[in-house]
Each structure stands twice: as structure tokens, then as C-alpha cells.
Protein backbone atom coordinates (compact mmCIF):
# COMPACT_ATOMS: atom_id res chain seq x y z
CA MET A 1 0.14 0.05 -0.03
CA LYS A 2 1.27 3.45 -0.87
CA LEU A 3 1.27 6.34 1.47
CA TRP A 4 1.38 10.00 0.65
CA LEU A 5 1.84 13.19 2.95
CA ASP A 6 0.52 16.16 0.87
CA ASP A 7 2.92 15.52 -2.32
CA ARG A 8 5.46 13.45 -0.64
CA GLU A 9 5.50 9.55 -0.59
CA ILE A 10 6.19 7.89 2.76
CA THR A 11 8.40 4.85 2.44
CA VAL A 12 6.89 2.83 5.24
CA PRO A 13 5.80 -0.71 4.47
CA THR A 14 2.31 -1.20 5.71
CA ASP A 15 -1.22 -2.64 4.86
CA ASP A 16 -3.16 -1.14 7.83
CA LEU A 17 -4.46 2.30 8.59
CA ASP A 18 -3.00 2.24 12.13
CA THR A 19 0.60 1.91 11.03
CA ALA A 20 -0.09 4.03 8.20
CA LEU A 21 -1.54 7.08 10.46
CA LYS A 22 1.43 6.63 12.92
CA ALA A 23 4.02 6.95 10.09
CA ALA A 24 2.03 9.99 8.52
CA ARG A 25 1.70 11.71 11.96
CA ASP A 26 5.53 11.42 12.65
CA ALA A 27 6.53 12.59 9.06
CA ALA A 28 4.17 15.55 9.74
CA GLN A 29 5.51 16.24 13.12
CA GLN A 30 9.00 16.37 11.66
CA ALA A 31 8.02 19.17 9.09
CA GLY A 32 6.20 21.07 12.08
CA ARG A 33 2.74 20.16 10.84
CA VAL A 34 -0.32 18.18 11.42
CA ILE A 35 -2.65 15.71 9.88
CA ILE A 36 -6.17 17.34 8.93
CA GLU A 37 -7.71 14.72 6.59
CA ALA A 38 -6.92 11.63 4.92
CA GLU A 39 -8.29 9.44 1.90
CA TRP A 40 -8.33 5.80 0.98
CA ASP A 41 -8.21 5.25 -2.79
CA GLY A 42 -9.84 8.69 -3.11
CA GLN A 43 -12.54 8.18 -0.31
CA SER A 44 -12.52 10.42 2.59
CA ILE A 45 -11.77 8.45 5.87
CA PRO A 46 -14.08 9.34 8.67
CA ASP A 47 -12.93 11.15 11.83
CA SER A 48 -14.13 8.15 13.95
CA MET A 49 -11.99 5.79 12.07
CA LEU A 50 -9.01 8.13 12.31
CA GLU A 51 -9.47 8.51 16.10
CA ASN A 52 -9.52 4.64 16.47
CA PRO A 53 -7.76 3.24 13.32
CA PRO A 54 -7.95 -0.62 12.65
CA LYS A 55 -4.95 -2.67 12.61
CA THR A 56 -6.25 -5.20 10.44
CA PRO A 57 -5.14 -5.43 6.69
CA SER A 58 -7.15 -2.60 4.71
CA GLY A 59 -6.62 -4.14 1.37
CA LYS A 60 -6.53 -0.51 -0.01
CA GLY A 61 -3.96 0.56 -2.64
CA GLU A 62 -3.29 4.19 -1.48
CA ILE A 63 -3.80 6.33 1.48
CA ARG A 64 -3.28 10.27 1.12
CA PHE A 65 -2.88 12.39 4.01
CA THR A 66 -3.07 16.21 4.12
CA SER A 67 -1.65 18.21 6.53
CA ALA A 68 -1.36 21.78 7.61
CA ASN A 69 0.63 24.28 9.74
CA PRO A 70 -0.89 24.10 13.14
CA ARG A 71 -0.77 27.88 14.18
CA ALA A 72 -2.40 28.73 10.74
CA LEU A 73 -4.88 26.16 11.39
CA VAL A 74 -5.84 27.23 14.67
CA SER A 75 -6.08 30.94 13.64
CA THR A 76 -8.21 30.25 10.59
CA THR A 77 -10.69 28.01 12.83
CA LEU A 78 -11.08 30.81 15.28
CA HIS A 79 -11.89 33.11 12.59
CA GLU A 80 -14.27 30.76 11.05
CA ILE A 81 -16.23 30.22 14.19
CA SER A 82 -16.48 33.93 15.35
CA ASP A 83 -17.91 34.59 11.73
CA VAL A 84 -20.62 31.89 12.68
CA LEU A 85 -21.23 33.61 15.91
CA SER A 86 -22.09 36.77 14.11
CA LYS A 87 -25.03 34.96 12.97
CA LEU A 88 -26.08 33.06 16.27
CA GLY A 89 -27.51 35.82 18.04
CA ILE A 90 -29.97 36.06 15.19
CA LEU A 91 -30.84 32.38 15.34
CA GLN A 92 -30.96 32.38 19.27
CA GLN A 93 -33.69 35.20 18.78
CA GLU A 94 -35.61 33.52 16.35
CA THR A 95 -35.74 30.41 18.63
CA ALA A 96 -36.88 32.40 21.40
CA ASP A 97 -39.66 33.78 19.22
CA SER A 98 -40.70 30.40 18.40
CA LEU A 99 -40.72 29.20 22.03
CA GLN A 100 -42.78 32.17 22.92
CA ALA A 101 -45.26 31.55 19.99
CA GLY A 102 -45.62 27.83 20.95
CA ARG A 103 -43.87 26.59 17.76
CA MET A 104 -42.06 23.88 19.62
CA ASP A 105 -40.96 21.62 16.83
CA GLU A 106 -39.33 24.65 15.11
CA ALA A 107 -37.80 25.76 18.39
CA PHE A 108 -36.34 22.38 19.20
CA GLU A 109 -34.64 22.11 15.76
CA ALA A 110 -33.21 25.47 16.35
CA LEU A 111 -32.01 24.65 19.81
CA GLY A 112 -29.91 21.69 18.39
CA GLU A 113 -28.04 24.18 16.09
CA VAL A 114 -27.74 26.50 18.98
CA PHE A 115 -26.09 23.95 21.52
CA SER A 116 -23.92 22.57 18.60
CA THR A 117 -22.54 25.91 18.05
CA TRP A 118 -21.53 26.67 21.37
CA GLU A 119 -20.03 23.00 21.66
CA THR A 120 -17.79 23.98 18.66
CA VAL A 121 -16.78 27.23 20.58
CA ARG A 122 -15.81 25.18 23.63
CA ARG A 123 -13.78 22.78 21.59
CA ALA A 124 -11.87 25.38 19.57
CA VAL A 125 -10.98 27.38 22.88
CA GLU A 126 -9.88 24.25 24.74
CA GLU A 127 -8.35 22.18 21.89
CA GLY A 128 -7.00 24.84 19.66
CA PRO A 129 -4.50 26.44 21.92
CA ALA A 130 -3.60 22.77 23.41
CA LEU A 131 -2.52 21.86 20.06
CA LEU A 132 0.05 24.50 20.16
CA GLY A 133 1.12 23.83 23.59
CA ILE A 134 -0.67 26.98 25.06
CA SER A 135 -2.64 26.97 28.24
CA VAL A 136 -5.84 28.74 28.26
CA SER A 137 -4.73 30.25 31.57
CA GLU A 138 -2.07 32.18 29.52
CA LEU A 139 -4.59 33.88 27.28
CA ASN A 140 -6.91 37.07 27.75
CA ALA A 141 -10.09 38.20 26.52
CA PRO A 142 -10.03 41.73 25.05
CA ALA A 143 -11.25 44.89 26.80
CA THR A 144 -14.49 46.33 25.87
CA PRO A 145 -16.29 49.50 26.44
CA ALA A 146 -17.90 47.72 29.15
CA GLY A 147 -14.88 46.51 30.94
CA PRO A 148 -11.17 45.93 30.98
CA SER A 149 -9.33 42.82 29.62
CA GLU A 150 -9.88 39.80 31.77
CA PRO A 151 -8.41 36.15 31.79
CA LEU A 152 -9.99 33.97 29.25
CA VAL A 153 -10.80 31.31 31.91
CA THR A 154 -13.09 33.84 33.50
CA HIS A 155 -15.31 34.12 30.40
CA ILE A 156 -15.20 30.30 30.06
CA GLY A 157 -16.59 29.83 33.41
CA ALA A 158 -19.26 32.55 32.99
CA LEU A 159 -20.35 30.79 29.51
CA THR A 160 -20.30 27.40 31.15
CA ASP A 161 -22.71 28.47 33.91
CA LEU A 162 -25.06 30.28 31.60
CA LEU A 163 -25.13 27.05 28.99
CA GLY A 164 -25.99 25.01 32.22
CA ASP A 165 -28.79 27.25 33.13
CA THR A 166 -30.03 27.07 29.64
CA ARG A 167 -29.89 23.23 29.53
CA SER A 168 -31.76 23.41 33.11
CA ALA A 169 -34.51 25.37 31.64
CA LEU A 170 -35.02 23.06 28.87
CA GLN A 171 -34.97 20.07 30.88
CA ASN A 172 -37.72 21.54 33.21
CA GLU A 173 -39.63 22.83 30.24
CA ASP A 174 -39.42 26.31 31.52
CA TRP A 175 -39.97 27.86 28.08
CA SER A 176 -40.32 31.40 29.41
CA THR A 177 -37.05 31.46 31.26
CA LEU A 178 -35.34 29.50 28.31
CA ALA A 179 -36.64 32.17 25.70
CA ASP A 180 -35.11 34.85 27.97
CA LEU A 181 -31.84 33.24 28.22
CA LEU A 182 -31.48 32.85 24.17
CA ALA A 183 -32.84 36.34 23.48
CA ASP A 184 -30.85 38.16 26.15
CA GLU A 185 -27.96 36.81 27.91
CA LEU A 186 -26.84 34.01 25.29
CA ARG A 187 -27.16 36.90 22.56
CA VAL A 188 -24.92 39.00 24.63
CA GLN A 189 -22.44 36.06 24.73
CA ALA A 190 -22.60 35.39 21.00
CA ASP A 191 -21.45 39.05 20.50
CA ARG A 192 -18.84 38.88 23.05
CA TRP A 193 -17.30 35.39 22.00
CA GLY A 194 -17.10 36.63 18.41
CA VAL A 195 -14.71 39.20 19.67
CA ILE A 196 -13.00 36.87 21.96
CA LEU A 197 -12.30 34.33 19.35
CA ARG A 198 -10.79 37.13 16.77
CA SER A 199 -8.75 38.31 19.66
CA LEU A 200 -7.33 34.58 20.63
CA ALA A 201 -6.67 34.26 16.74
CA GLU A 202 -4.53 37.43 16.88
CA GLN A 203 -2.64 36.32 20.04
CA ILE A 204 -1.89 33.27 18.60
CA ASP A 205 -0.61 34.60 15.50
CA ARG A 206 1.84 37.10 17.53
CA ARG A 207 3.20 34.20 19.43
């Protein structure tokens, strides 16, 4: 089976994904890069398989790995999620309106997207800096007209508590409280975290 990292062939004998992935990661690490995707004979390999690669013979002819500069990857990801957050406040307001109007199916569908987006924010903030060997305790959220710069962990804690309150309102079927949280406090958080993620990307770029 042939292995490729970007445009370079990796000359490591293997016929299983586990060995192939280890060889590709070693080669990427030596080049100061990280694996971001892989294809088997032109077909994308799902993340679930990359996280737990099989050690049995694959029967495949070629695996191609694509790598990226980790700093650029993290910075780009943070900017992209910041752009998503610029629209999340509108979605949360629409979800609150659906709850208040009793359009529950519509509201529940939108809630799935709301929680999924905030989970993406959490993962980006935790995993992005960690990929670069940076602790979130070293990072700060930017100052705003409402207040000075603060440690990032302070904002992570506040967001975690607010999302916990939101999930509790959902579990308790307290639609009025849930609508208020979505339209008010979480909308403020969407705007705030859009700024925070752009600031984090800039801090990472400067390091």
C-alpha cells in the first residue's frame, strides 16, 4: 500500500491504517505540521476511524494524508467560528420567538444548532491552544467599552454556567426562562465570544 503526505510519498511498509497513520503523523511532526484529513483510494476517511484506526489489513491501494501548519490552522478555525457567532444571536432570537409562540418543533430543531455551535466554541477554545502547547490560563479576553481585559478562563466559566442554566430550563420545560436566556444573555455572549475568538486568533498569530 502506498502512503502520501501532501505531495510526498512516505516509504514505510504497511497494509493497515493504524501503522499508516502513525507514520504520517511522525512525518508531519518532523515538518512542524499536523494531519487534518485522509483519503483511502480517493474516499475520505471519517474522523471516527482516524481516532480509532484498525490494525487489520485494509486491502487498499493508497492512502493520502493532508497536513497543515498548526498555528495557521488554529487561527483560521477561530476566525471561522467567530463568523458563525455573528449569526448565532439572530438564530437564538428566532428560537426564543418560536418558544414564545408555541412553535415547539421549530424551536427544538433550532436549539440543536444553538447548542452544537456553542459546543464548537468550547472545543475550539480548549483544543486549539492545546494543539500549540498553549494553556488557556495564559490567554486573555480583550477589553471592551463595558470593562477591562480579563483572563480567558473567567469568560469560559461564565459561559459554562450560562449554558448550564439554559439546559436546566430546557429540561424543566421552563419555556419562558429559556426564551429569555436565548434572547438576552446568550445573545450578548454570542457577540462577546465573536470578539474573543478573533482576539485569540490574533494572540496566537503573534506568538
